[in-house]
N, C-alpha and C. Protein backbone atom coordinates (compact mmCIF):
# COMPACT_ATOMS: atom_id res chain seq x y z
N MET A 1 39.12 -35.48 -10.37
CA MET A 1 39.65 -34.70 -9.26
C MET A 1 38.49 -34.01 -8.54
N GLU A 2 38.51 -34.13 -7.18
CA GLU A 2 37.43 -33.49 -6.43
C GLU A 2 37.60 -31.96 -6.45
N THR A 3 36.51 -31.28 -6.59
CA THR A 3 36.54 -29.81 -6.52
C THR A 3 36.35 -29.41 -5.09
N ASP A 4 36.66 -28.12 -4.84
CA ASP A 4 36.51 -27.61 -3.46
C ASP A 4 35.05 -27.78 -3.04
N ARG A 5 34.11 -27.45 -3.91
CA ARG A 5 32.71 -27.52 -3.56
C ARG A 5 32.35 -28.97 -3.18
N THR A 6 32.91 -29.94 -3.89
CA THR A 6 32.61 -31.36 -3.60
C THR A 6 33.12 -31.73 -2.21
N ARG A 7 34.28 -31.30 -1.90
CA ARG A 7 34.89 -31.58 -0.57
C ARG A 7 34.13 -30.88 0.55
N ILE A 8 33.68 -29.65 0.31
CA ILE A 8 32.91 -28.92 1.31
C ILE A 8 31.58 -29.59 1.50
N LYS A 9 30.90 -29.98 0.42
CA LYS A 9 29.63 -30.65 0.51
C LYS A 9 29.73 -32.00 1.22
N ALA A 10 30.82 -32.72 0.98
CA ALA A 10 31.00 -34.02 1.68
C ALA A 10 31.07 -33.79 3.14
N PHE A 11 31.81 -32.78 3.58
CA PHE A 11 31.91 -32.47 5.00
C PHE A 11 30.56 -32.05 5.59
N LEU A 12 29.88 -31.18 4.88
CA LEU A 12 28.57 -30.71 5.37
C LEU A 12 27.55 -31.81 5.44
N SER A 13 27.69 -32.79 4.51
CA SER A 13 26.66 -33.83 4.44
C SER A 13 26.61 -34.68 5.75
N ARG A 14 27.75 -34.65 6.48
CA ARG A 14 27.77 -35.38 7.79
C ARG A 14 26.79 -34.76 8.75
N LYS A 15 26.56 -33.46 8.63
CA LYS A 15 25.61 -32.76 9.52
C LYS A 15 24.25 -32.65 8.90
N VAL A 16 24.19 -32.44 7.56
CA VAL A 16 22.94 -32.24 6.88
C VAL A 16 22.51 -33.54 6.30
N LYS A 17 21.95 -34.37 7.16
CA LYS A 17 21.57 -35.75 6.73
C LYS A 17 20.17 -35.71 6.11
N ASN A 18 19.94 -36.64 5.22
CA ASN A 18 18.62 -36.76 4.56
C ASN A 18 18.21 -35.49 3.75
N HIS A 19 19.17 -34.78 3.23
CA HIS A 19 18.85 -33.61 2.45
C HIS A 19 19.97 -33.47 1.40
N ASP A 20 19.52 -33.30 0.16
CA ASP A 20 20.49 -33.11 -0.94
C ASP A 20 20.83 -31.58 -0.98
N LEU A 21 21.84 -31.19 -0.27
CA LEU A 21 22.23 -29.80 -0.13
C LEU A 21 22.58 -29.24 -1.46
N ARG A 22 22.00 -28.10 -1.81
CA ARG A 22 22.37 -27.39 -3.01
C ARG A 22 23.35 -26.29 -2.68
N ASP A 23 24.17 -25.90 -3.67
CA ASP A 23 25.29 -24.99 -3.43
C ASP A 23 24.80 -23.58 -2.97
N HIS A 24 23.61 -23.21 -3.22
CA HIS A 24 23.10 -21.89 -2.88
C HIS A 24 22.24 -21.87 -1.58
N GLU A 25 21.96 -23.04 -0.99
CA GLU A 25 21.09 -23.10 0.17
C GLU A 25 21.80 -22.60 1.43
N ASN A 26 21.08 -21.79 2.22
CA ASN A 26 21.60 -21.23 3.43
C ASN A 26 21.46 -22.26 4.56
N ILE A 27 22.64 -22.80 4.98
CA ILE A 27 22.67 -23.87 5.94
C ILE A 27 22.25 -23.39 7.37
N PHE A 28 22.50 -22.08 7.63
CA PHE A 28 22.07 -21.53 8.92
C PHE A 28 20.57 -21.33 8.98
N ALA A 29 20.00 -20.73 7.95
CA ALA A 29 18.58 -20.45 7.86
C ALA A 29 17.75 -21.74 7.89
N MET A 30 18.34 -22.80 7.33
CA MET A 30 17.63 -24.10 7.30
C MET A 30 17.72 -24.84 8.62
N GLY A 31 18.54 -24.29 9.58
CA GLY A 31 18.67 -24.91 10.90
C GLY A 31 19.64 -26.05 10.91
N PHE A 32 20.47 -26.21 9.94
CA PHE A 32 21.44 -27.37 9.94
C PHE A 32 22.67 -27.11 10.77
N VAL A 33 23.00 -25.83 11.06
CA VAL A 33 24.30 -25.49 11.65
C VAL A 33 24.05 -24.73 12.97
N ASN A 34 24.79 -25.16 14.01
CA ASN A 34 24.83 -24.40 15.23
C ASN A 34 26.23 -23.86 15.45
N SER A 35 26.46 -23.11 16.51
CA SER A 35 27.77 -22.47 16.66
C SER A 35 28.91 -23.49 16.80
N LEU A 36 28.67 -24.60 17.46
CA LEU A 36 29.72 -25.61 17.59
C LEU A 36 30.09 -26.20 16.22
N PHE A 37 29.11 -26.50 15.43
CA PHE A 37 29.43 -27.02 14.10
C PHE A 37 30.11 -25.94 13.23
N ALA A 38 29.72 -24.71 13.42
CA ALA A 38 30.39 -23.62 12.68
C ALA A 38 31.89 -23.58 12.97
N MET A 39 32.28 -23.80 14.20
CA MET A 39 33.70 -23.83 14.56
C MET A 39 34.36 -25.09 13.95
N GLN A 40 33.66 -26.20 13.94
CA GLN A 40 34.20 -27.42 13.33
C GLN A 40 34.40 -27.20 11.86
N LEU A 41 33.48 -26.47 11.20
CA LEU A 41 33.62 -26.12 9.80
C LEU A 41 34.83 -25.29 9.53
N VAL A 42 35.14 -24.32 10.40
CA VAL A 42 36.29 -23.51 10.22
C VAL A 42 37.57 -24.36 10.37
N LEU A 43 37.61 -25.21 11.35
CA LEU A 43 38.77 -26.07 11.55
C LEU A 43 38.98 -27.01 10.32
N PHE A 44 37.86 -27.52 9.83
CA PHE A 44 37.94 -28.37 8.60
C PHE A 44 38.51 -27.61 7.45
N LEU A 45 38.02 -26.39 7.23
CA LEU A 45 38.52 -25.59 6.08
C LEU A 45 40.01 -25.32 6.22
N GLU A 46 40.45 -24.97 7.44
CA GLU A 46 41.89 -24.68 7.61
C GLU A 46 42.74 -25.93 7.33
N LYS A 47 42.34 -27.06 7.88
CA LYS A 47 43.10 -28.29 7.69
C LYS A 47 43.00 -28.81 6.22
N GLU A 48 41.80 -28.88 5.68
CA GLU A 48 41.56 -29.48 4.38
C GLU A 48 42.19 -28.70 3.26
N PHE A 49 42.12 -27.36 3.38
CA PHE A 49 42.54 -26.48 2.26
C PHE A 49 43.83 -25.71 2.58
N GLY A 50 44.41 -25.93 3.76
CA GLY A 50 45.66 -25.26 4.08
C GLY A 50 45.59 -23.73 4.14
N ILE A 51 44.46 -23.23 4.65
CA ILE A 51 44.26 -21.78 4.78
C ILE A 51 44.14 -21.43 6.22
N THR A 52 44.22 -20.13 6.50
CA THR A 52 43.99 -19.66 7.82
C THR A 52 42.76 -18.69 7.79
N VAL A 53 41.75 -19.03 8.54
CA VAL A 53 40.56 -18.23 8.63
C VAL A 53 40.81 -17.21 9.76
N GLU A 54 40.91 -15.94 9.36
CA GLU A 54 41.19 -14.85 10.29
C GLU A 54 39.91 -14.39 10.98
N ASN A 55 40.02 -13.61 12.03
CA ASN A 55 38.85 -13.07 12.75
C ASN A 55 37.96 -12.29 11.82
N GLU A 56 38.58 -11.51 10.91
CA GLU A 56 37.78 -10.69 9.96
C GLU A 56 37.03 -11.54 8.93
N ASP A 57 37.41 -12.82 8.80
CA ASP A 57 36.70 -13.70 7.89
C ASP A 57 35.44 -14.35 8.53
N LEU A 58 35.34 -14.20 9.85
CA LEU A 58 34.26 -14.90 10.60
C LEU A 58 32.95 -14.13 10.50
N GLU A 59 32.55 -13.77 9.30
CA GLU A 59 31.25 -13.18 8.98
C GLU A 59 30.33 -14.26 8.55
N ILE A 60 29.10 -14.29 9.01
CA ILE A 60 28.21 -15.35 8.69
C ILE A 60 28.00 -15.48 7.19
N GLU A 61 28.09 -14.36 6.44
CA GLU A 61 27.94 -14.40 5.01
C GLU A 61 28.94 -15.33 4.31
N ASN A 62 30.10 -15.49 4.99
CA ASN A 62 31.17 -16.35 4.37
C ASN A 62 30.86 -17.83 4.57
N PHE A 63 29.90 -18.19 5.35
CA PHE A 63 29.63 -19.59 5.69
C PHE A 63 28.20 -20.05 5.51
N GLN A 64 27.38 -19.22 4.92
CA GLN A 64 25.96 -19.54 4.79
C GLN A 64 25.64 -20.59 3.72
N THR A 65 26.43 -20.65 2.66
CA THR A 65 26.17 -21.56 1.58
C THR A 65 27.46 -22.23 1.11
N VAL A 66 27.32 -23.31 0.42
CA VAL A 66 28.51 -23.96 -0.16
C VAL A 66 29.25 -23.04 -1.06
N ASN A 67 28.50 -22.26 -1.85
CA ASN A 67 29.13 -21.28 -2.75
C ASN A 67 29.93 -20.26 -1.97
N ALA A 68 29.38 -19.74 -0.89
CA ALA A 68 30.07 -18.71 -0.07
C ALA A 68 31.33 -19.33 0.55
N ILE A 69 31.24 -20.51 1.02
CA ILE A 69 32.39 -21.17 1.65
C ILE A 69 33.47 -21.39 0.62
N ALA A 70 33.10 -21.88 -0.58
CA ALA A 70 34.10 -22.12 -1.62
C ALA A 70 34.76 -20.80 -2.06
N ASN A 71 33.96 -19.71 -2.11
CA ASN A 71 34.51 -18.40 -2.45
C ASN A 71 35.50 -17.93 -1.42
N LEU A 72 35.21 -18.20 -0.13
CA LEU A 72 36.14 -17.83 0.96
C LEU A 72 37.44 -18.58 0.78
N VAL A 73 37.37 -19.88 0.54
CA VAL A 73 38.53 -20.70 0.37
C VAL A 73 39.38 -20.20 -0.77
N GLU A 74 38.73 -19.88 -1.89
CA GLU A 74 39.45 -19.38 -3.07
C GLU A 74 40.15 -18.04 -2.76
N SER A 75 39.40 -17.15 -2.11
CA SER A 75 40.00 -15.81 -1.77
C SER A 75 41.19 -15.94 -0.82
N LYS A 76 41.10 -16.90 0.12
CA LYS A 76 42.22 -17.09 1.06
C LYS A 76 43.45 -17.67 0.33
N ARG A 77 43.19 -18.48 -0.64
CA ARG A 77 44.31 -19.04 -1.42
C ARG A 77 45.00 -17.97 -2.24
N LEU A 78 44.30 -16.97 -2.68
CA LEU A 78 44.86 -15.93 -3.55
C LEU A 78 45.62 -14.87 -2.76
N GLN A 79 45.46 -14.88 -1.44
CA GLN A 79 46.18 -13.91 -0.63
C GLN A 79 47.62 -14.22 -0.53
N PRO A 80 48.48 -13.22 -0.58
CA PRO A 80 49.88 -13.50 -0.43
C PRO A 80 50.16 -13.96 1.03
N VAL A 81 51.15 -14.84 1.14
CA VAL A 81 51.49 -15.37 2.46
C VAL A 81 52.33 -14.39 3.26
């Protein structure tokens, strides 16, 4: 069974070509992500994981690494509906 991190990395690998992205690497600092791709990432997370990313979640710290993104997904799942 695919883990959340595996699914997130598979999506990011479309943008981060020719680089074996590690879970702790900052995709913004490495220049892999621009604002348009960041919005595509949010839409992917909402559709793929059935979560809603709220305005207060749109902090860069939530999206800098695979680990941070996976933690955001997990925290959104734990929130009451």
